[in-house]
Structures are given as C-alpha cells and as structure tokens.
Amino acid sequence: MSSKDLTGLADETGVARSGMTVRELFEECARARVAGIPFCDAKGKIVGKASIRNILKETCIPSFFIDHVKLMGDHLDALSFPPVHEQKLFAKTIDEFIVKDFAHVSSASTLTKALASMEAHDSTYCFVIDADGTYHGVISIVHAAMRMLERNR
C-alpha cells in the first residue's frame, strides 16, 4: 500500500438506507466500531451520513444542557434518558437524522487531506469514496495515529 492509498487503512462498514431503524444503525456502527456510516439514496448513491452522535444530540441532549454544561453537576438522575424512551428511539427510522454535509475523500487522497476534511466537518472520521461512487470504508483519527506509528517503528 502506498502512502497515498487510503483503501487499506479504511475499515469496511455497511451503509445506511431509508427505512433503517436507529437500532439497526447502532448495531452496524457497534459491529464496525465506528461512529457513523454513509447513507445511500434509492439509487445507491451516497448522499449523507447516519451518525450516532447526531441522533443522540437530536434526541437525548436538550440544547440548554450543551449551552450550560459547565454549570451542571454530575447527578441529574431526574433528567436521565429512561429505557422506555430508548425503545421508542430504537424503533424510529434514521431518515430524519441524516446529515447531508459530511467528511469524505477519495482513495487516492493523502492522509493529511483526510484529516483536513475531518476538521472541516468537525468530525473524527471520514468516508473513503471514489469519484465513481465506490465506497471503501471509514478512516478515523485513530487510523492516522496508527499510520504514523507504523512509519516510525
């Protein structure tokens, strides 16, 4: 693998499609140990990402928590997310949670470009997708650290 070939560095994952449940998305992300996967339209074109972070942000964290996190204590049991709500969340489809603007690079891109794309999208991972739409997998900042360690052994 050349230093510019990102295909060998990417972790293969499944893709999300319309109608997929939140539970199915979480299961695929947990299986692949990634925070999100590409979302494909009916024609199979990648048009967004399905992200655990985005779903949890939209459903589990009130915006005032984010705005005032430094003022909050550690014991807010009355405001926790109860299991019954988790069941409802898992049954929902992911369609309303798709992020249209996402980090991605081609397999010919450099690792530096992948890192820059992640930063530009406030993400710790990006998808490797070639111009013809071929999806190769996910690269994370952990992959970048692993590559750097490999080069300096």
C-alpha atoms as a PDB file:
ATOM      1  CA  MET A   1       0.000   0.000   0.000  1.00  0.00           C
ATOM      2  CA  SER A   2       1.428   3.374  -0.963  1.00  0.00           C
ATOM      3  CA  SER A   3       1.383   6.301   1.437  1.00  0.00           C
ATOM      4  CA  LYS A   4      -1.409   7.813  -0.663  1.00  0.00           C
ATOM      5  CA  ASP A   5      -3.591   4.695  -0.877  1.00  0.00           C
ATOM      6  CA  LEU A   6      -6.254   5.005   1.795  1.00  0.00           C
ATOM      7  CA  THR A   7      -8.207   1.853   0.907  1.00  0.00           C
ATOM      8  CA  GLY A   8      -6.048  -0.388   3.088  1.00  0.00           C
ATOM      9  CA  LEU A   9      -6.392   1.984   6.015  1.00  0.00           C
ATOM     10  CA  ALA A  10     -10.194   2.247   5.926  1.00  0.00           C
ATOM     11  CA  ASP A  11     -12.459  -0.007   7.974  1.00  0.00           C
ATOM     12  CA  GLU A  12     -15.208  -1.594   5.904  1.00  0.00           C
ATOM     13  CA  THR A  13     -18.761  -0.928   7.064  1.00  0.00           C
ATOM     14  CA  GLY A  14     -22.258  -1.395   5.836  1.00  0.00           C
ATOM     15  CA  VAL A  15     -24.252   1.534   4.531  1.00  0.00           C
ATOM     16  CA  ALA A  16     -27.485   3.045   5.805  1.00  0.00           C
ATOM     17  CA  ARG A  17     -30.624   3.213   3.700  1.00  0.00           C
ATOM     18  CA  SER A  18     -34.028   4.790   4.025  1.00  0.00           C
ATOM     19  CA  GLY A  19     -36.205   2.895   6.474  1.00  0.00           C
ATOM     20  CA  MET A  20     -33.308   1.570   8.543  1.00  0.00           C
ATOM     21  CA  THR A  21     -34.090   1.802  12.251  1.00  0.00           C
ATOM     22  CA  VAL A  22     -31.968   3.573  14.816  1.00  0.00           C
ATOM     23  CA  ARG A  23     -31.378   0.160  16.451  1.00  0.00           C
ATOM     24  CA  GLU A  24     -30.066  -1.261  13.150  1.00  0.00           C
ATOM     25  CA  LEU A  25     -27.783   1.742  12.687  1.00  0.00           C
ATOM     26  CA  PHE A  26     -26.398   1.465  16.228  1.00  0.00           C
ATOM     27  CA  GLU A  27     -25.856  -2.283  15.740  1.00  0.00           C
ATOM     28  CA  GLU A  28     -23.910  -1.761  12.491  1.00  0.00           C
ATOM     29  CA  CYS A  29     -21.841   1.044  13.985  1.00  0.00           C
ATOM     30  CA  ALA A  30     -21.094  -1.061  17.083  1.00  0.00           C
ATOM     31  CA  ARG A  31     -20.183  -4.076  14.931  1.00  0.00           C
ATOM     32  CA  ALA A  32     -17.778  -1.997  12.830  1.00  0.00           C
ATOM     33  CA  ARG A  33     -16.668   0.120  15.811  1.00  0.00           C
ATOM     34  CA  VAL A  34     -17.390   3.392  14.021  1.00  0.00           C
ATOM     35  CA  ALA A  35     -19.458   6.452  14.954  1.00  0.00           C
ATOM     36  CA  GLY A  36     -21.319   6.706  11.660  1.00  0.00           C
ATOM     37  CA  ILE A  37     -21.843   5.146   8.249  1.00  0.00           C
ATOM     38  CA  PRO A  38     -22.718   6.505   4.810  1.00  0.00           C
ATOM     39  CA  PHE A  39     -26.373   6.965   3.867  1.00  0.00           C
ATOM     40  CA  CYS A  40     -27.377   5.847   0.360  1.00  0.00           C
ATOM     41  CA  ASP A  41     -30.389   7.035  -1.605  1.00  0.00           C
ATOM     42  CA  ALA A  42     -32.708   4.650  -3.518  1.00  0.00           C
ATOM     43  CA  LYS A  43     -30.214   4.553  -6.423  1.00  0.00           C
ATOM     44  CA  GLY A  44     -27.331   3.541  -4.138  1.00  0.00           C
ATOM     45  CA  LYS A  45     -25.569   6.922  -4.287  1.00  0.00           C
ATOM     46  CA  ILE A  46     -24.024   8.132  -1.012  1.00  0.00           C
ATOM     47  CA  VAL A  47     -25.838  11.358  -0.160  1.00  0.00           C
ATOM     48  CA  GLY A  48     -25.202  11.770   3.564  1.00  0.00           C
ATOM     49  CA  LYS A  49     -24.172  10.112   6.779  1.00  0.00           C
ATOM     50  CA  ALA A  50     -26.050   8.402   9.569  1.00  0.00           C
ATOM     51  CA  SER A  51     -24.305   9.356  12.793  1.00  0.00           C
ATOM     52  CA  ILE A  52     -24.742   8.058  16.337  1.00  0.00           C
ATOM     53  CA  ARG A  53     -23.590  11.447  17.619  1.00  0.00           C
ATOM     54  CA  ASN A  54     -26.211  13.333  15.623  1.00  0.00           C
ATOM     55  CA  ILE A  55     -29.047  11.036  16.697  1.00  0.00           C
ATOM     56  CA  LEU A  56     -28.090  11.283  20.378  1.00  0.00           C
ATOM     57  CA  LYS A  57     -27.675  15.048  20.103  1.00  0.00           C
ATOM     58  CA  GLU A  58     -31.115  15.430  18.495  1.00  0.00           C
ATOM     59  CA  THR A  59     -32.963  13.079  20.848  1.00  0.00           C
ATOM     60  CA  CYS A  60     -31.176  12.781  24.185  1.00  0.00           C
ATOM     61  CA  ILE A  61     -29.457  16.063  24.952  1.00  0.00           C
ATOM     62  CA  PRO A  62     -31.533  19.213  25.446  1.00  0.00           C
ATOM     63  CA  SER A  63     -29.789  22.193  23.866  1.00  0.00           C
ATOM     64  CA  PHE A  64     -29.670  24.041  27.196  1.00  0.00           C
ATOM     65  CA  PHE A  65     -27.545  21.165  28.578  1.00  0.00           C
ATOM     66  CA  ILE A  66     -24.978  21.812  25.880  1.00  0.00           C
ATOM     67  CA  ASP A  67     -25.085  25.568  26.435  1.00  0.00           C
ATOM     68  CA  HIS A  68     -24.667  25.236  30.220  1.00  0.00           C
ATOM     69  CA  VAL A  69     -22.655  22.031  30.636  1.00  0.00           C
ATOM     70  CA  LYS A  70     -20.074  23.762  32.826  1.00  0.00           C
ATOM     71  CA  LEU A  71     -22.779  24.710  35.327  1.00  0.00           C
ATOM     72  CA  MET A  72     -24.276  21.239  35.613  1.00  0.00           C
ATOM     73  CA  GLY A  73     -23.486  18.846  38.431  1.00  0.00           C
ATOM     74  CA  ASP A  74     -22.796  15.146  37.984  1.00  0.00           C
ATOM     75  CA  HIS A  75     -26.043  13.837  39.484  1.00  0.00           C
ATOM     76  CA  LEU A  76     -29.017  14.740  37.303  1.00  0.00           C
ATOM     77  CA  ASP A  77     -30.942  11.471  37.606  1.00  0.00           C
ATOM     78  CA  ALA A  78     -34.298  13.201  37.151  1.00  0.00           C
ATOM     79  CA  LEU A  79     -33.210  14.288  33.691  1.00  0.00           C
ATOM     80  CA  SER A  80     -31.765  10.953  32.514  1.00  0.00           C
ATOM     81  CA  PHE A  81     -32.980   9.167  29.373  1.00  0.00           C
ATOM     82  CA  PRO A  82     -35.280   6.341  30.590  1.00  0.00           C
ATOM     83  CA  PRO A  83     -35.252   2.872  28.967  1.00  0.00           C
ATOM     84  CA  VAL A  84     -38.806   3.283  27.655  1.00  0.00           C
ATOM     85  CA  HIS A  85     -37.628   6.257  25.575  1.00  0.00           C
ATOM     86  CA  GLU A  86     -34.684   4.211  24.308  1.00  0.00           C
ATOM     87  CA  GLN A  87     -37.117   1.588  22.992  1.00  0.00           C
ATOM     88  CA  LYS A  88     -39.083   4.280  21.149  1.00  0.00           C
ATOM     89  CA  LEU A  89     -35.876   5.777  19.782  1.00  0.00           C
ATOM     90  CA  PHE A  90     -34.592   2.388  18.566  1.00  0.00           C
ATOM     91  CA  ALA A  91     -37.861   1.797  16.695  1.00  0.00           C
ATOM     92  CA  LYS A  92     -37.640   5.099  14.766  1.00  0.00           C
ATOM     93  CA  THR A  93     -36.205   5.204  11.286  1.00  0.00           C
ATOM     94  CA  ILE A  94     -32.998   7.133  10.714  1.00  0.00           C
ATOM     95  CA  ASP A  95     -34.384   9.141   7.794  1.00  0.00           C
ATOM     96  CA  GLU A  96     -34.975  12.346   9.783  1.00  0.00           C
ATOM     97  CA  PHE A  97     -31.466  12.289  11.256  1.00  0.00           C
ATOM     98  CA  ILE A  98     -29.340  12.134   8.084  1.00  0.00           C
ATOM     99  CA  VAL A  99     -26.512  14.674   7.874  1.00  0.00           C
ATOM    100  CA  LYS A 100     -26.107  15.888   4.281  1.00  0.00           C
ATOM    101  CA  ASP A 101     -22.715  17.594   4.685  1.00  0.00           C
ATOM    102  CA  PHE A 102     -20.097  15.008   5.642  1.00  0.00           C
ATOM    103  CA  ALA A 103     -16.349  14.439   5.514  1.00  0.00           C
ATOM    104  CA  HIS A 104     -15.107  12.305   2.637  1.00  0.00           C
ATOM    105  CA  VAL A 105     -12.026  11.820   0.486  1.00  0.00           C
ATOM    106  CA  SER A 106     -11.041   9.588  -2.425  1.00  0.00           C
ATOM    107  CA  SER A 107      -8.802   6.567  -2.024  1.00  0.00           C
ATOM    108  CA  ALA A 108      -6.040   8.492  -3.818  1.00  0.00           C
ATOM    109  CA  SER A 109      -6.108  11.302  -1.240  1.00  0.00           C
ATOM    110  CA  THR A 110      -3.371  11.747   1.305  1.00  0.00           C
ATOM    111  CA  LEU A 111      -3.892  11.069   4.978  1.00  0.00           C
ATOM    112  CA  THR A 112      -3.325  14.787   5.566  1.00  0.00           C
ATOM    113  CA  LYS A 113      -6.266  15.604   3.295  1.00  0.00           C
ATOM    114  CA  ALA A 114      -8.431  13.095   5.192  1.00  0.00           C
ATOM    115  CA  LEU A 115      -7.502  14.804   8.476  1.00  0.00           C
ATOM    116  CA  ALA A 116      -8.248  18.233   6.993  1.00  0.00           C
ATOM    117  CA  SER A 117     -11.638  17.018   5.751  1.00  0.00           C
ATOM    118  CA  MET A 118     -12.441  15.704   9.236  1.00  0.00           C
ATOM    119  CA  GLU A 119     -11.521  19.044  10.800  1.00  0.00           C
ATOM    120  CA  ALA A 120     -13.512  20.990   8.201  1.00  0.00           C
ATOM    121  CA  HIS A 121     -16.593  18.936   9.147  1.00  0.00           C
ATOM    122  CA  ASP A 122     -15.986  18.878  12.931  1.00  0.00           C
ATOM    123  CA  SER A 123     -15.664  15.111  12.799  1.00  0.00           C
ATOM    124  CA  THR A 124     -13.220  12.458  13.945  1.00  0.00           C
ATOM    125  CA  TYR A 125     -13.815  10.253  10.896  1.00  0.00           C
ATOM    126  CA  CYS A 126     -14.406  10.467   7.167  1.00  0.00           C
ATOM    127  CA  PHE A 127     -15.559   8.142   4.402  1.00  0.00           C
ATOM    128  CA  VAL A 128     -13.326   6.980   1.552  1.00  0.00           C
ATOM    129  CA  ILE A 129     -15.427   7.321  -1.604  1.00  0.00           C
ATOM    130  CA  ASP A 130     -14.024   7.422  -5.130  1.00  0.00           C
ATOM    131  CA  ALA A 131     -15.397   9.674  -7.894  1.00  0.00           C
ATOM    132  CA  ASP A 132     -17.308   6.741  -9.383  1.00  0.00           C
ATOM    133  CA  GLY A 133     -19.155   6.318  -6.060  1.00  0.00           C
ATOM    134  CA  THR A 134     -17.206   3.273  -4.870  1.00  0.00           C
ATOM    135  CA  TYR A 135     -17.253   3.211  -1.072  1.00  0.00           C
ATOM    136  CA  HIS A 136     -14.140   1.762   0.593  1.00  0.00           C
ATOM    137  CA  GLY A 137     -14.835   2.387   4.285  1.00  0.00           C
ATOM    138  CA  VAL A 138     -14.205   4.776   7.163  1.00  0.00           C
ATOM    139  CA  ILE A 139     -10.941   6.377   8.278  1.00  0.00           C
ATOM    140  CA  SER A 140     -10.684   7.911  11.748  1.00  0.00           C
ATOM    141  CA  ILE A 141      -8.124   9.958  13.611  1.00  0.00           C
ATOM    142  CA  VAL A 142      -7.119   6.695  15.276  1.00  0.00           C
ATOM    143  CA  HIS A 143      -6.167   5.382  11.820  1.00  0.00           C
ATOM    144  CA  ALA A 144      -3.989   8.456  11.344  1.00  0.00           C
ATOM    145  CA  ALA A 145      -2.213   7.752  14.636  1.00  0.00           C
ATOM    146  CA  MET A 146      -1.740   4.087  13.658  1.00  0.00           C
ATOM    147  CA  ARG A 147      -0.252   5.075  10.279  1.00  0.00           C
ATOM    148  CA  MET A 148       2.155   7.493  11.961  1.00  0.00           C
ATOM    149  CA  LEU A 149       3.258   4.804  14.419  1.00  0.00           C
ATOM    150  CA  GLU A 150       3.807   2.321  11.562  1.00  0.00           C
ATOM    151  CA  ARG A 151       6.015   4.780   9.691  1.00  0.00           C
ATOM    152  CA  ASN A 152       8.104   5.469  12.778  1.00  0.00           C
ATOM    153  CA  ARG A 153       8.869   1.998  14.102  1.00  0.00           C
END
